Amino acid sequence: MRKLITDALYGTTVTAVLIGAETSKRRWVKYEISQSIERGNGLFGIYIHNIRDQYGNRDSKGINPLGPEFATYDWVNDDGYNNLSKWVEAAYDER
């Protein structure tokens, strides 16, 4: 898994972390974040708990695995569909 993540980060400049109910507990999410920081990538988080599943349910809001120095957004409330490119650009500029 380590090699898969390392290879996937090759050539990237920004990492977006989707924050769900269990994200902060995931070992490989923590690894991807640490590797992104080490690479000097821009980094930001997107809360996905307000996205409804196929049954119309929402999940509970997860704990942010990023430090407070990184921006986070809510996909639904912050209109991720129309703003994702702005968030990527802002993270790129902050790196």
Protein backbone atom coordinates (compact mmCIF):
# COMPACT_ATOMS: atom_id res chain seq x y z
CA MET A 1 0.00 0.00 0.00
CA ARG A 2 2.89 2.31 0.79
CA LYS A 3 4.26 1.99 -2.76
CA LEU A 4 0.81 2.48 -4.26
CA ILE A 5 0.37 5.78 -2.40
CA THR A 6 3.92 6.93 -3.13
CA ASP A 7 3.47 6.15 -6.82
CA ALA A 8 0.07 7.88 -6.91
CA LEU A 9 1.57 11.05 -5.43
CA TYR A 10 4.34 11.16 -8.03
CA GLY A 11 4.03 14.31 -10.13
CA THR A 12 1.31 15.86 -7.97
CA THR A 13 1.33 19.33 -6.43
CA VAL A 14 -1.95 19.27 -4.46
CA THR A 15 -3.63 16.61 -2.32
CA ALA A 16 -7.34 16.70 -1.48
CA VAL A 17 -8.41 14.57 1.49
CA LEU A 18 -12.05 13.48 1.56
CA ILE A 19 -13.11 13.61 5.22
CA GLY A 20 -15.71 11.02 6.17
CA ALA A 21 -16.80 9.57 9.49
CA GLU A 22 -13.81 7.19 9.74
CA THR A 23 -11.11 9.05 7.77
CA SER A 24 -9.08 10.25 10.76
CA LYS A 25 -8.71 6.64 11.98
CA ARG A 26 -7.27 5.29 8.74
CA ARG A 27 -3.57 4.46 8.80
CA TRP A 28 -3.08 4.96 5.09
CA VAL A 29 -4.83 8.33 5.08
CA LYS A 30 -2.34 9.48 7.70
CA TYR A 31 0.48 8.14 5.55
CA GLU A 32 -0.80 9.93 2.45
CA ILE A 33 -1.07 13.19 4.39
CA SER A 34 2.46 12.87 5.79
CA GLN A 35 3.86 12.04 2.36
CA SER A 36 2.03 14.99 0.79
CA ILE A 37 3.50 17.32 3.40
CA GLU A 38 6.96 15.85 2.87
CA ARG A 39 6.62 16.39 -0.89
CA GLY A 40 5.56 20.01 -0.34
CA ASN A 41 2.12 19.47 -1.84
CA GLY A 42 -0.69 21.89 -1.22
CA LEU A 43 -3.20 20.16 1.01
CA PHE A 44 -6.88 20.66 1.85
CA GLY A 45 -9.81 18.65 3.13
CA ILE A 46 -13.36 18.16 1.91
CA TYR A 47 -16.05 17.08 4.35
CA ILE A 48 -18.39 14.63 2.62
CA HIS A 49 -20.84 13.86 5.43
CA ASN A 50 -23.63 15.97 3.90
CA ILE A 51 -23.66 13.98 0.66
CA ARG A 52 -26.68 11.70 0.70
CA ASP A 53 -26.26 8.00 -0.05
CA GLN A 54 -28.54 5.97 -2.33
CA TYR A 55 -31.12 5.75 0.48
CA GLY A 56 -31.11 9.48 1.20
CA ASN A 57 -29.10 9.17 4.41
CA ARG A 58 -26.17 11.27 5.53
CA ASP A 59 -23.19 10.15 7.57
CA SER A 60 -21.87 11.73 10.75
CA LYS A 61 -19.24 14.44 10.40
CA GLY A 62 -15.74 13.02 10.70
CA ILE A 63 -12.80 14.41 12.63
CA ASN A 64 -10.42 16.48 10.53
CA PRO A 65 -7.16 14.51 10.10
CA LEU A 66 -5.35 17.62 8.83
CA GLY A 67 -3.82 20.26 11.03
CA PRO A 68 -5.57 23.60 11.55
CA GLU A 69 -3.17 25.22 9.09
CA PHE A 70 -4.93 23.47 6.19
CA ALA A 71 -8.21 24.67 4.71
CA THR A 72 -11.27 22.46 4.86
CA TYR A 73 -14.53 22.74 2.97
CA ASP A 74 -17.94 21.09 3.05
CA TRP A 75 -18.77 19.60 -0.35
CA VAL A 76 -22.49 20.42 -0.04
CA ASN A 77 -22.56 23.63 2.00
CA ASP A 78 -19.56 25.18 0.23
CA ASP A 79 -20.77 24.14 -3.24
CA GLY A 80 -17.89 21.85 -4.10
CA TYR A 81 -19.26 21.13 -7.55
CA ASN A 82 -18.66 24.74 -8.56
CA ASN A 83 -15.74 25.59 -6.25
CA LEU A 84 -13.39 22.59 -6.36
CA SER A 85 -11.03 24.23 -8.86
CA LYS A 86 -10.80 27.32 -6.62
CA TRP A 87 -9.95 25.15 -3.62
CA VAL A 88 -7.23 23.35 -5.58
CA GLU A 89 -5.76 26.65 -6.75
CA ALA A 90 -5.80 28.07 -3.21
CA ALA A 91 -4.01 24.97 -1.86
CA TYR A 92 -1.47 25.21 -4.67
CA ASP A 93 -0.80 28.87 -3.84
CA GLU A 94 -0.41 28.08 -0.11
CA ARG A 95 2.17 25.33 -0.53
